[in-house]
PDB file of N, CA and C in Angstrom:
ATOM      1  N   MET A   1      27.453 -34.417  24.052  1.00  0.00           N
ATOM      2  CA  MET A   1      26.133 -34.002  24.846  1.00  0.00           C
ATOM      3  C   MET A   1      25.434 -34.928  24.614  1.00  0.00           C
ATOM      4  N   ASN A   2      24.420 -35.233  25.702  1.00  0.00           N
ATOM      5  CA  ASN A   2      23.376 -36.084  25.604  1.00  0.00           C
ATOM      6  C   ASN A   2      21.930 -35.547  25.015  1.00  0.00           C
ATOM      7  N   SER A   3      21.234 -36.476  24.442  1.00  0.00           N
ATOM      8  CA  SER A   3      20.046 -35.943  23.896  1.00  0.00           C
ATOM      9  C   SER A   3      19.084 -35.173  24.874  1.00  0.00           C
ATOM     10  N   GLN A   4      19.233 -35.436  26.102  1.00  0.00           N
ATOM     11  CA  GLN A   4      18.320 -34.541  27.316  1.00  0.00           C
ATOM     12  C   GLN A   4      19.240 -32.808  27.079  1.00  0.00           C
ATOM     13  N   THR A   5      20.132 -32.646  26.661  1.00  0.00           N
ATOM     14  CA  THR A   5      20.993 -31.434  26.740  1.00  0.00           C
ATOM     15  C   THR A   5      20.676 -30.656  25.379  1.00  0.00           C
ATOM     16  N   GLU A   6      20.636 -31.661  24.385  1.00  0.00           N
ATOM     17  CA  GLU A   6      20.680 -31.156  22.714  1.00  0.00           C
ATOM     18  C   GLU A   6      19.606 -30.055  22.516  1.00  0.00           C
ATOM     19  N   ASN A   7      18.375 -30.198  23.143  1.00  0.00           N
ATOM     20  CA  ASN A   7      17.352 -29.683  22.593  1.00  0.00           C
ATOM     21  C   ASN A   7      16.847 -28.472  23.678  1.00  0.00           C
ATOM     22  N   THR A   8      17.956 -28.005  24.390  1.00  0.00           N
ATOM     23  CA  THR A   8      17.451 -26.948  25.747  1.00  0.00           C
ATOM     24  C   THR A   8      18.699 -25.522  25.315  1.00  0.00           C
ATOM     25  N   ALA A   9      18.066 -24.594  25.947  1.00  0.00           N
ATOM     26  CA  ALA A   9      18.866 -23.455  25.958  1.00  0.00           C
ATOM     27  C   ALA A   9      20.160 -23.330  26.584  1.00  0.00           C
ATOM     28  N   PRO A  10      20.900 -22.752  25.962  1.00  0.00           N
ATOM     29  CA  PRO A  10      22.627 -22.543  26.441  1.00  0.00           C
ATOM     30  C   PRO A  10      22.369 -22.697  28.273  1.00  0.00           C
ATOM     31  N   GLN A  11      21.784 -21.726  28.365  1.00  0.00           N
ATOM     32  CA  GLN A  11      21.566 -21.511  30.136  1.00  0.00           C
ATOM     33  C   GLN A  11      21.249 -22.838  30.861  1.00  0.00           C
ATOM     34  N   GLU A  12      20.106 -23.487  30.178  1.00  0.00           N
ATOM     35  CA  GLU A  12      19.669 -24.737  30.774  1.00  0.00           C
ATOM     36  C   GLU A  12      20.626 -25.676  30.492  1.00  0.00           C
ATOM     37  N   GLN A  13      21.307 -25.968  29.490  1.00  0.00           N
ATOM     38  CA  GLN A  13      22.431 -26.715  28.899  1.00  0.00           C
ATOM     39  C   GLN A  13      23.567 -26.524  30.211  1.00  0.00           C
ATOM     40  N   ALA A  14      24.027 -25.568  30.311  1.00  0.00           N
ATOM     41  CA  ALA A  14      25.208 -25.151  31.354  1.00  0.00           C
ATOM     42  C   ALA A  14      24.634 -25.725  32.880  1.00  0.00           C
ATOM     43  N   THR A  15      23.564 -25.191  33.222  1.00  0.00           N
ATOM     44  CA  THR A  15      23.193 -25.562  34.096  1.00  0.00           C
ATOM     45  C   THR A  15      23.094 -27.003  34.652  1.00  0.00           C
ATOM     46  N   HIS A  16      22.324 -27.656  33.540  1.00  0.00           N
ATOM     47  CA  HIS A  16      22.258 -29.094  33.825  1.00  0.00           C
ATOM     48  C   HIS A  16      23.624 -29.869  33.862  1.00  0.00           C
ATOM     49  N   LEU A  17      24.784 -29.097  33.163  1.00  0.00           N
ATOM     50  CA  LEU A  17      26.240 -29.919  33.213  1.00  0.00           C
ATOM     51  C   LEU A  17      26.584 -29.578  34.642  1.00  0.00           C
ATOM     52  N   ILE A  18      26.413 -28.775  35.024  1.00  0.00           N
ATOM     53  CA  ILE A  18      27.060 -28.230  36.373  1.00  0.00           C
ATOM     54  C   ILE A  18      26.582 -29.272  37.534  1.00  0.00           C
ATOM     55  N   PHE A  19      25.466 -29.303  37.490  1.00  0.00           N
ATOM     56  CA  PHE A  19      24.643 -29.960  38.517  1.00  0.00           C
ATOM     57  C   PHE A  19      24.440 -31.703  38.315  1.00  0.00           C
ATOM     58  N   SER A  20      24.963 -32.111  37.236  1.00  0.00           N
ATOM     59  CA  SER A  20      25.214 -33.283  36.732  1.00  0.00           C
ATOM     60  C   SER A  20      26.284 -34.068  37.059  1.00  0.00           C
ATOM     61  N   GLY A  21      27.274 -33.062  37.782  1.00  0.00           N
ATOM     62  CA  GLY A  21      28.531 -33.643  38.009  1.00  0.00           C
ATOM     63  C   GLY A  21      29.700 -33.409  36.922  1.00  0.00           C
ATOM     64  N   HIS A  22      29.504 -32.626  35.901  1.00  0.00           N
ATOM     65  CA  HIS A  22      30.516 -32.190  34.882  1.00  0.00           C
ATOM     66  C   HIS A  22      31.084 -30.818  34.915  1.00  0.00           C
ATOM     67  N   SER A  23      31.387 -30.126  36.111  1.00  0.00           N
ATOM     68  CA  SER A  23      31.394 -28.917  36.439  1.00  0.00           C
ATOM     69  C   SER A  23      32.967 -28.547  36.047  1.00  0.00           C
ATOM     70  N   LEU A  24      33.891 -29.449  35.731  1.00  0.00           N
ATOM     71  CA  LEU A  24      35.342 -29.135  35.822  1.00  0.00           C
ATOM     72  C   LEU A  24      35.514 -28.250  34.165  1.00  0.00           C
ATOM     73  N   TYR A  25      36.584 -27.666  34.519  1.00  0.00           N
ATOM     74  CA  TYR A  25      36.901 -26.732  33.600  1.00  0.00           C
ATOM     75  C   TYR A  25      36.957 -27.658  32.089  1.00  0.00           C
ATOM     76  N   ASN A  26      36.185 -27.344  31.131  1.00  0.00           N
ATOM     77  CA  ASN A  26      36.424 -27.939  30.025  1.00  0.00           C
ATOM     78  C   ASN A  26      35.858 -26.989  28.664  1.00  0.00           C
ATOM     79  N   PRO A  27      36.913 -26.584  28.172  1.00  0.00           N
ATOM     80  CA  PRO A  27      36.591 -25.278  27.209  1.00  0.00           C
ATOM     81  C   PRO A  27      36.077 -25.902  25.844  1.00  0.00           C
ATOM     82  N   CYS A  28      36.300 -27.296  25.492  1.00  0.00           N
ATOM     83  CA  CYS A  28      35.952 -28.058  24.490  1.00  0.00           C
ATOM     84  C   CYS A  28      34.108 -28.032  24.385  1.00  0.00           C
ATOM     85  N   ARG A  29      33.582 -27.925  25.571  1.00  0.00           N
ATOM     86  CA  ARG A  29      32.224 -27.988  25.596  1.00  0.00           C
ATOM     87  C   ARG A  29      31.861 -26.743  25.134  1.00  0.00           C
ATOM     88  N   LEU A  30      32.379 -25.855  25.664  1.00  0.00           N
ATOM     89  CA  LEU A  30      32.328 -23.857  24.831  1.00  0.00           C
ATOM     90  C   LEU A  30      32.618 -24.084  23.409  1.00  0.00           C
ATOM     91  N   LEU A  31      33.425 -24.523  22.903  1.00  0.00           N
ATOM     92  CA  LEU A  31      33.776 -24.423  21.570  1.00  0.00           C
ATOM     93  C   LEU A  31      32.814 -25.104  20.738  1.00  0.00           C
ATOM     94  N   ASP A  32      32.369 -26.432  20.931  1.00  0.00           N
ATOM     95  CA  ASP A  32      31.730 -27.033  20.491  1.00  0.00           C
ATOM     96  C   ASP A  32      30.009 -26.617  20.544  1.00  0.00           C
ATOM     97  N   THR A  33      29.663 -25.932  21.363  1.00  0.00           N
ATOM     98  CA  THR A  33      28.499 -25.142  21.461  1.00  0.00           C
ATOM     99  C   THR A  33      28.529 -23.903  20.644  1.00  0.00           C
ATOM    100  N   LEU A  34      29.547 -23.407  20.598  1.00  0.00           N
ATOM    101  CA  LEU A  34      29.441 -22.023  19.509  1.00  0.00           C
ATOM    102  C   LEU A  34      29.488 -22.428  18.249  1.00  0.00           C
ATOM    103  N   ILE A  35      30.197 -23.888  17.919  1.00  0.00           N
ATOM    104  CA  ILE A  35      30.052 -24.162  16.466  1.00  0.00           C
ATOM    105  C   ILE A  35      28.622 -24.604  16.165  1.00  0.00           C
ATOM    106  N   GLU A  36      27.970 -25.623  17.032  1.00  0.00           N
ATOM    107  CA  GLU A  36      26.633 -25.597  16.828  1.00  0.00           C
ATOM    108  C   GLU A  36      25.879 -24.658  16.660  1.00  0.00           C
ATOM    109  N   GLN A  37      25.955 -23.632  17.659  1.00  0.00           N
ATOM    110  CA  GLN A  37      24.853 -22.560  17.592  1.00  0.00           C
ATOM    111  C   GLN A  37      25.083 -21.504  16.462  1.00  0.00           C
ATOM    112  N   LEU A  38      26.263 -21.413  15.941  1.00  0.00           N
ATOM    113  CA  LEU A  38      26.439 -20.775  14.781  1.00  0.00           C
ATOM    114  C   LEU A  38      26.535 -21.429  13.260  1.00  0.00           C
ATOM    115  N   GLY A  39      26.143 -22.796  13.472  1.00  0.00           N
ATOM    116  CA  GLY A  39      26.018 -23.556  12.312  1.00  0.00           C
ATOM    117  C   GLY A  39      27.300 -23.859  11.516  1.00  0.00           C
ATOM    118  N   LEU A  40      28.675 -23.698  12.029  1.00  0.00           N
ATOM    119  CA  LEU A  40      29.720 -23.631  11.585  1.00  0.00           C
ATOM    120  C   LEU A  40      30.119 -25.380  11.449  1.00  0.00           C
ATOM    121  N   LYS A  41      31.206 -25.529  10.388  1.00  0.00           N
ATOM    122  CA  LYS A  41      31.807 -26.648  10.521  1.00  0.00           C
ATOM    123  C   LYS A  41      32.710 -27.197  11.059  1.00  0.00           C
ATOM    124  N   ASN A  42      33.617 -26.581  11.612  1.00  0.00           N
ATOM    125  CA  ASN A  42      34.965 -27.008  12.476  1.00  0.00           C
ATOM    126  C   ASN A  42      35.452 -26.026  12.832  1.00  0.00           C
ATOM    127  N   ASP A  43      36.624 -26.056  13.879  1.00  0.00           N
ATOM    128  CA  ASP A  43      37.440 -25.100  14.606  1.00  0.00           C
ATOM    129  C   ASP A  43      37.893 -24.041  13.690  1.00  0.00           C
ATOM    130  N   ALA A  44      38.470 -24.403  12.479  1.00  0.00           N
ATOM    131  CA  ALA A  44      38.852 -23.574  11.581  1.00  0.00           C
ATOM    132  C   ALA A  44      37.819 -22.317  11.033  1.00  0.00           C
ATOM    133  N   ALA A  45      36.809 -22.836  10.956  1.00  0.00           N
ATOM    134  CA  ALA A  45      35.322 -21.712  10.778  1.00  0.00           C
ATOM    135  C   ALA A  45      34.992 -21.107  11.758  1.00  0.00           C
ATOM    136  N   LEU A  46      35.198 -21.601  13.177  1.00  0.00           N
ATOM    137  CA  LEU A  46      35.007 -20.934  14.245  1.00  0.00           C
ATOM    138  C   LEU A  46      36.151 -19.665  14.457  1.00  0.00           C
ATOM    139  N   ALA A  47      37.312 -20.111  14.093  1.00  0.00           N
ATOM    140  CA  ALA A  47      38.629 -19.017  14.222  1.00  0.00           C
ATOM    141  C   ALA A  47      38.175 -17.867  13.599  1.00  0.00           C
ATOM    142  N   ARG A  48      37.557 -18.331  12.066  1.00  0.00           N
ATOM    143  CA  ARG A  48      37.445 -17.302  11.037  1.00  0.00           C
ATOM    144  C   ARG A  48      36.367 -16.086  11.708  1.00  0.00           C
ATOM    145  N   ALA A  49      35.201 -17.091  12.338  1.00  0.00           N
ATOM    146  CA  ALA A  49      34.212 -16.063  12.734  1.00  0.00           C
ATOM    147  C   ALA A  49      34.644 -15.399  13.971  1.00  0.00           C
ATOM    148  N   LEU A  50      35.507 -15.878  14.819  1.00  0.00           N
ATOM    149  CA  LEU A  50      35.987 -15.095  16.038  1.00  0.00           C
ATOM    150  C   LEU A  50      37.200 -14.222  15.283  1.00  0.00           C
ATOM    151  N   GLU A  51      37.639 -13.849  14.242  1.00  0.00           N
ATOM    152  CA  GLU A  51      38.653 -13.372  13.549  1.00  0.00           C
ATOM    153  C   GLU A  51      39.861 -13.582  14.922  1.00  0.00           C
ATOM    154  N   VAL A  52      40.465 -15.019  14.935  1.00  0.00           N
ATOM    155  CA  VAL A  52      41.427 -15.069  15.395  1.00  0.00           C
ATOM    156  C   VAL A  52      42.276 -16.102  14.617  1.00  0.00           C
ATOM    157  N   ALA A  53      43.361 -16.347  14.989  1.00  0.00           N
ATOM    158  CA  ALA A  53      44.179 -17.382  14.225  1.00  0.00           C
ATOM    159  C   ALA A  53      43.650 -19.156  14.469  1.00  0.00           C
ATOM    160  N   PRO A  54      43.624 -19.905  13.457  1.00  0.00           N
ATOM    161  CA  PRO A  54      43.261 -21.177  14.174  1.00  0.00           C
ATOM    162  C   PRO A  54      44.019 -21.684  15.173  1.00  0.00           C
ATOM    163  N   PRO A  55      45.430 -21.609  15.283  1.00  0.00           N
ATOM    164  CA  PRO A  55      45.942 -22.093  16.260  1.00  0.00           C
ATOM    165  C   PRO A  55      45.466 -21.764  17.711  1.00  0.00           C
ATOM    166  N   MET A  56      44.908 -20.503  17.809  1.00  0.00           N
ATOM    167  CA  MET A  56      44.353 -20.122  19.163  1.00  0.00           C
ATOM    168  C   MET A  56      43.178 -21.135  19.610  1.00  0.00           C
ATOM    169  N   ILE A  57      42.429 -21.600  18.550  1.00  0.00           N
ATOM    170  CA  ILE A  57      41.207 -22.462  19.234  1.00  0.00           C
ATOM    171  C   ILE A  57      41.616 -23.613  19.281  1.00  0.00           C
ATOM    172  N   SER A  58      42.888 -24.111  18.744  1.00  0.00           N
ATOM    173  CA  SER A  58      43.422 -25.291  18.913  1.00  0.00           C
ATOM    174  C   SER A  58      43.905 -25.399  20.410  1.00  0.00           C
ATOM    175  N   LYS A  59      44.799 -24.192  20.538  1.00  0.00           N
ATOM    176  CA  LYS A  59      45.153 -24.042  22.046  1.00  0.00           C
ATOM    177  C   LYS A  59      44.435 -24.309  22.969  1.00  0.00           C
ATOM    178  N   ILE A  60      43.116 -23.588  23.023  1.00  0.00           N
ATOM    179  CA  ILE A  60      42.204 -23.601  23.870  1.00  0.00           C
ATOM    180  C   ILE A  60      41.661 -24.853  24.091  1.00  0.00           C
ATOM    181  N   ARG A  61      41.334 -25.574  22.747  1.00  0.00           N
ATOM    182  CA  ARG A  61      41.011 -27.011  23.075  1.00  0.00           C
ATOM    183  C   ARG A  61      41.788 -27.634  23.535  1.00  0.00           C
ATOM    184  N   HIS A  62      42.937 -27.801  23.405  1.00  0.00           N
ATOM    185  CA  HIS A  62      43.743 -28.725  23.973  1.00  0.00           C
ATOM    186  C   HIS A  62      44.337 -28.314  25.358  1.00  0.00           C
ATOM    187  N   ARG A  63      43.749 -26.987  25.912  1.00  0.00           N
ATOM    188  CA  ARG A  63      44.254 -26.595  27.302  1.00  0.00           C
ATOM    189  C   ARG A  63      45.612 -26.091  27.391  1.00  0.00           C
ATOM    190  N   THR A  64      46.020 -25.488  26.402  1.00  0.00           N
ATOM    191  CA  THR A  64      47.408 -24.956  26.473  1.00  0.00           C
ATOM    192  C   THR A  64      47.236 -23.415  26.506  1.00  0.00           C
ATOM    193  N   LEU A  65      46.290 -22.734  26.142  1.00  0.00           N
ATOM    194  CA  LEU A  65      45.804 -21.238  26.220  1.00  0.00           C
ATOM    195  C   LEU A  65      44.512 -21.104  26.926  1.00  0.00           C
ATOM    196  N   PRO A  66      44.360 -20.367  28.088  1.00  0.00           N
ATOM    197  CA  PRO A  66      43.023 -20.116  28.825  1.00  0.00           C
ATOM    198  C   PRO A  66      42.092 -19.127  27.899  1.00  0.00           C
ATOM    199  N   VAL A  67      40.995 -19.341  28.037  1.00  0.00           N
ATOM    200  CA  VAL A  67      40.013 -18.574  27.508  1.00  0.00           C
ATOM    201  C   VAL A  67      39.875 -17.089  28.352  1.00  0.00           C
ATOM    202  N   GLY A  68      40.647 -16.303  27.366  1.00  0.00           N
ATOM    203  CA  GLY A  68      40.604 -14.704  28.120  1.00  0.00           C
ATOM    204  C   GLY A  68      39.494 -14.138  28.401  1.00  0.00           C
ATOM    205  N   GLY A  69      39.240 -12.964  28.841  1.00  0.00           N
ATOM    206  CA  GLY A  69      38.535 -12.130  28.621  1.00  0.00           C
ATOM    207  C   GLY A  69      38.046 -11.467  27.319  1.00  0.00           C
ATOM    208  N   ALA A  70      39.079 -11.028  26.596  1.00  0.00           N
ATOM    209  CA  ALA A  70      38.963 -10.594  25.245  1.00  0.00           C
ATOM    210  C   ALA A  70      38.284 -11.576  24.331  1.00  0.00           C
ATOM    211  N   MET A  71      38.456 -12.940  24.575  1.00  0.00           N
ATOM    212  CA  MET A  71      37.872 -13.784  23.729  1.00  0.00           C
ATOM    213  C   MET A  71      36.711 -14.259  24.240  1.00  0.00           C
ATOM    214  N   LEU A  72      36.056 -14.249  25.450  1.00  0.00           N
ATOM    215  CA  LEU A  72      34.934 -14.217  25.715  1.00  0.00           C
ATOM    216  C   LEU A  72      34.027 -13.228  25.193  1.00  0.00           C
ATOM    217  N   ILE A  73      34.653 -11.900  25.354  1.00  0.00           N
ATOM    218  CA  ILE A  73      33.875 -10.824  24.677  1.00  0.00           C
ATOM    219  C   ILE A  73      33.393 -11.137  23.314  1.00  0.00           C
ATOM    220  N   ARG A  74      34.434 -11.417  22.655  1.00  0.00           N
ATOM    221  CA  ARG A  74      34.422 -11.578  21.231  1.00  0.00           C
ATOM    222  C   ARG A  74      33.440 -12.927  20.662  1.00  0.00           C
ATOM    223  N   MET A  75      33.316 -13.721  21.687  1.00  0.00           N
ATOM    224  CA  MET A  75      32.151 -15.175  21.538  1.00  0.00           C
ATOM    225  C   MET A  75      30.986 -14.541  21.733  1.00  0.00           C
ATOM    226  N   HIS A  76      30.913 -13.666  22.767  1.00  0.00           N
ATOM    227  CA  HIS A  76      29.769 -13.041  23.459  1.00  0.00           C
ATOM    228  C   HIS A  76      28.782 -12.187  21.993  1.00  0.00           C
ATOM    229  N   GLU A  77      30.032 -11.359  21.289  1.00  0.00           N
ATOM    230  CA  GLU A  77      29.607 -10.620  20.296  1.00  0.00           C
ATOM    231  C   GLU A  77      29.143 -11.331  18.888  1.00  0.00           C
ATOM    232  N   ILE A  78      29.793 -12.531  18.690  1.00  0.00           N
ATOM    233  CA  ILE A  78      29.304 -13.296  17.578  1.00  0.00           C
ATOM    234  C   ILE A  78      27.903 -14.147  18.057  1.00  0.00           C
ATOM    235  N   SER A  79      27.745 -14.610  19.186  1.00  0.00           N
ATOM    236  CA  SER A  79      26.893 -15.542  19.433  1.00  0.00           C
ATOM    237  C   SER A  79      25.564 -15.047  20.020  1.00  0.00           C
ATOM    238  N   ASP A  80      25.645 -13.935  20.736  1.00  0.00           N
ATOM    239  CA  ASP A  80      24.603 -13.357  21.784  1.00  0.00           C
ATOM    240  C   ASP A  80      24.317 -14.288  22.710  1.00  0.00           C
ATOM    241  N   LEU A  81      24.998 -14.692  23.129  1.00  0.00           N
ATOM    242  CA  LEU A  81      25.096 -15.536  24.836  1.00  0.00           C
ATOM    243  C   LEU A  81      25.846 -14.411  25.871  1.00  0.00           C
ATOM    244  N   ASN A  82      25.287 -14.598  26.661  1.00  0.00           N
ATOM    245  CA  ASN A  82      25.950 -13.705  27.591  1.00  0.00           C
ATOM    246  C   ASN A  82      27.238 -14.557  28.439  1.00  0.00           C
ATOM    247  N   ILE A  83      28.066 -13.513  28.904  1.00  0.00           N
ATOM    248  CA  ILE A  83      29.251 -13.879  29.163  1.00  0.00           C
ATOM    249  C   ILE A  83      28.964 -14.961  30.298  1.00  0.00           C
ATOM    250  N   ALA A  84      28.128 -14.607  31.205  1.00  0.00           N
ATOM    251  CA  ALA A  84      27.751 -15.705  32.185  1.00  0.00           C
ATOM    252  C   ALA A  84      27.461 -17.401  31.852  1.00  0.00           C
ATOM    253  N   ASP A  85      26.671 -17.132  30.514  1.00  0.00           N
ATOM    254  CA  ASP A  85      26.380 -18.492  30.092  1.00  0.00           C
ATOM    255  C   ASP A  85      27.682 -19.376  29.520  1.00  0.00           C
ATOM    256  N   LEU A  86      28.292 -18.179  29.045  1.00  0.00           N
ATOM    257  CA  LEU A  86      29.557 -18.689  28.123  1.00  0.00           C
ATOM    258  C   LEU A  86      30.703 -19.385  29.051  1.00  0.00           C
ATOM    259  N   ARG A  87      30.661 -18.525  30.321  1.00  0.00           N
ATOM    260  CA  ARG A  87      31.432 -18.997  31.308  1.00  0.00           C
ATOM    261  C   ARG A  87      31.065 -20.618  31.990  1.00  0.00           C
ATOM    262  N   LEU A  88      29.772 -20.617  31.954  1.00  0.00           N
ATOM    263  CA  LEU A  88      28.860 -21.921  32.792  1.00  0.00           C
ATOM    264  C   LEU A  88      29.195 -22.950  31.608  1.00  0.00           C
ATOM    265  N   LEU A  89      29.306 -22.899  30.491  1.00  0.00           N
ATOM    266  CA  LEU A  89      29.592 -23.668  29.247  1.00  0.00           C
ATOM    267  C   LEU A  89      30.666 -24.383  29.625  1.00  0.00           C
ATOM    268  N   MET A  90      31.633 -23.581  29.701  1.00  0.00           N
ATOM    269  CA  MET A  90      33.221 -24.192  30.026  1.00  0.00           C
ATOM    270  C   MET A  90      33.483 -24.354  31.446  1.00  0.00           C
ATOM    271  N   GLY A  91      32.438 -24.437  32.268  1.00  0.00           N
ATOM    272  CA  GLY A  91      32.721 -25.170  33.536  1.00  0.00           C
ATOM    273  C   GLY A  91      33.238 -23.876  34.532  1.00  0.00           C
ATOM    274  N   ASP A  92      33.298 -22.823  34.081  1.00  0.00           N
ATOM    275  CA  ASP A  92      33.956 -21.596  35.423  1.00  0.00           C
ATOM    276  C   ASP A  92      32.525 -21.223  36.197  1.00  0.00           C
ATOM    277  N   GLN A  93      32.532 -21.477  37.436  1.00  0.00           N
ATOM    278  CA  GLN A  93      31.376 -21.339  38.261  1.00  0.00           C
ATOM    279  C   GLN A  93      31.709 -20.030  39.445  1.00  0.00           C
ATOM    280  N   ARG A  94      32.951 -19.306  38.941  1.00  0.00           N
ATOM    281  CA  ARG A  94      33.164 -18.400  39.981  1.00  0.00           C
ATOM    282  C   ARG A  94      32.613 -17.387  39.816  1.00  0.00           C
ATOM    283  N   LYS A  95      32.011 -16.954  40.987  1.00  0.00           N
ATOM    284  CA  LYS A  95      30.937 -15.693  40.922  1.00  0.00           C
ATOM    285  C   LYS A  95      31.368 -14.284  40.986  1.00  0.00           C
ATOM    286  N   LYS A  96      32.822 -14.053  41.353  1.00  0.00           N
ATOM    287  CA  LYS A  96      33.628 -12.948  41.295  1.00  0.00           C
ATOM    288  C   LYS A  96      34.787 -13.238  41.060  1.00  0.00           C
ATOM    289  N   PHE A  97      35.514 -12.050  40.343  1.00  0.00           N
ATOM    290  CA  PHE A  97      37.164 -12.513  40.008  1.00  0.00           C
ATOM    291  C   PHE A  97      37.642 -11.300  41.067  1.00  0.00           C
ATOM    292  N   ARG A  98      38.621 -11.929  41.640  1.00  0.00           N
ATOM    293  CA  ARG A  98      39.544 -11.228  42.461  1.00  0.00           C
ATOM    294  C   ARG A  98      40.835 -11.163  42.027  1.00  0.00           C
ATOM    295  N   ILE A  99      41.344  -9.765  42.152  1.00  0.00           N
ATOM    296  CA  ILE A  99      42.769  -9.313  41.878  1.00  0.00           C
ATOM    297  C   ILE A  99      43.775  -9.077  42.630  1.00  0.00           C
ATOM    298  N   SER A 100      44.591  -9.657  42.688  1.00  0.00           N
ATOM    299  CA  SER A 100      45.617 -10.061  44.027  1.00  0.00           C
ATOM    300  C   SER A 100      46.334  -8.405  44.249  1.00  0.00           C
ATOM    301  N   ASP A 101      46.013  -7.941  45.324  1.00  0.00           N
ATOM    302  CA  ASP A 101      46.428  -6.455  46.089  1.00  0.00           C
ATOM    303  C   ASP A 101      47.992  -6.642  45.404  1.00  0.00           C
ATOM    304  N   LYS A 102      48.745  -7.713  45.501  1.00  0.00           N
ATOM    305  CA  LYS A 102      50.363  -7.298  44.922  1.00  0.00           C
ATOM    306  C   LYS A 102      50.365  -6.775  43.752  1.00  0.00           C
ATOM    307  N   GLN A 103      49.260  -6.712  42.490  1.00  0.00           N
ATOM    308  CA  GLN A 103      49.442  -6.364  41.586  1.00  0.00           C
ATOM    309  C   GLN A 103      49.551  -4.927  41.287  1.00  0.00           C
ATOM    310  N   PHE A 104      49.180  -4.268  42.389  1.00  0.00           N
ATOM    311  CA  PHE A 104      49.031  -2.762  42.261  1.00  0.00           C
ATOM    312  C   PHE A 104      50.063  -2.095  43.318  1.00  0.00           C
ATOM    313  N   LYS A 105      50.916  -2.956  43.947  1.00  0.00           N
ATOM    314  CA  LYS A 105      51.983  -2.204  44.818  1.00  0.00           C
ATOM    315  C   LYS A 105      53.153  -1.968  43.931  1.00  0.00           C
ATOM    316  N   PRO A 106      53.581  -1.017  44.192  1.00  0.00           N
ATOM    317  CA  PRO A 106      55.011  -0.305  43.240  1.00  0.00           C
ATOM    318  C   PRO A 106      56.331  -1.600  43.578  1.00  0.00           C
ATOM    319  N   LYS A 107      57.027  -1.693  42.378  1.00  0.00           N
ATOM    320  CA  LYS A 107      58.075  -2.803  42.655  1.00  0.00           C
ATOM    321  C   LYS A 107      59.178  -1.641  43.471  1.00  0.00           C
ATOM    322  N   LYS A 108      60.189  -2.683  44.314  1.00  0.00           N
ATOM    323  CA  LYS A 108      61.182  -2.131  44.965  1.00  0.00           C
ATOM    324  C   LYS A 108      62.483  -1.946  43.824  1.00  0.00           C
TER     325      LYS A 108
END
């Protein structure tokens, strides 16, 4: 992050990043912000704080595993950042989540 966003609140950081053209999905920004806010040293310390296996953090960072709802809730619990701020930090700008009607139809 540049010096302009380092000294601002997470909501302001996320909003600045979205409007400065960096709105693509980037879980690294979310993980780095959590590490900084919690005063942790690295991804392994974040994994311990989140009570997940370290490979999960690595997979999220390398974009082979998405940040799921349960992970967002856990991040919220340890950081006191709201879910909307966490989603903004990783570049998720969706206002609503929609579930396909096909998920509720019985299988033939």
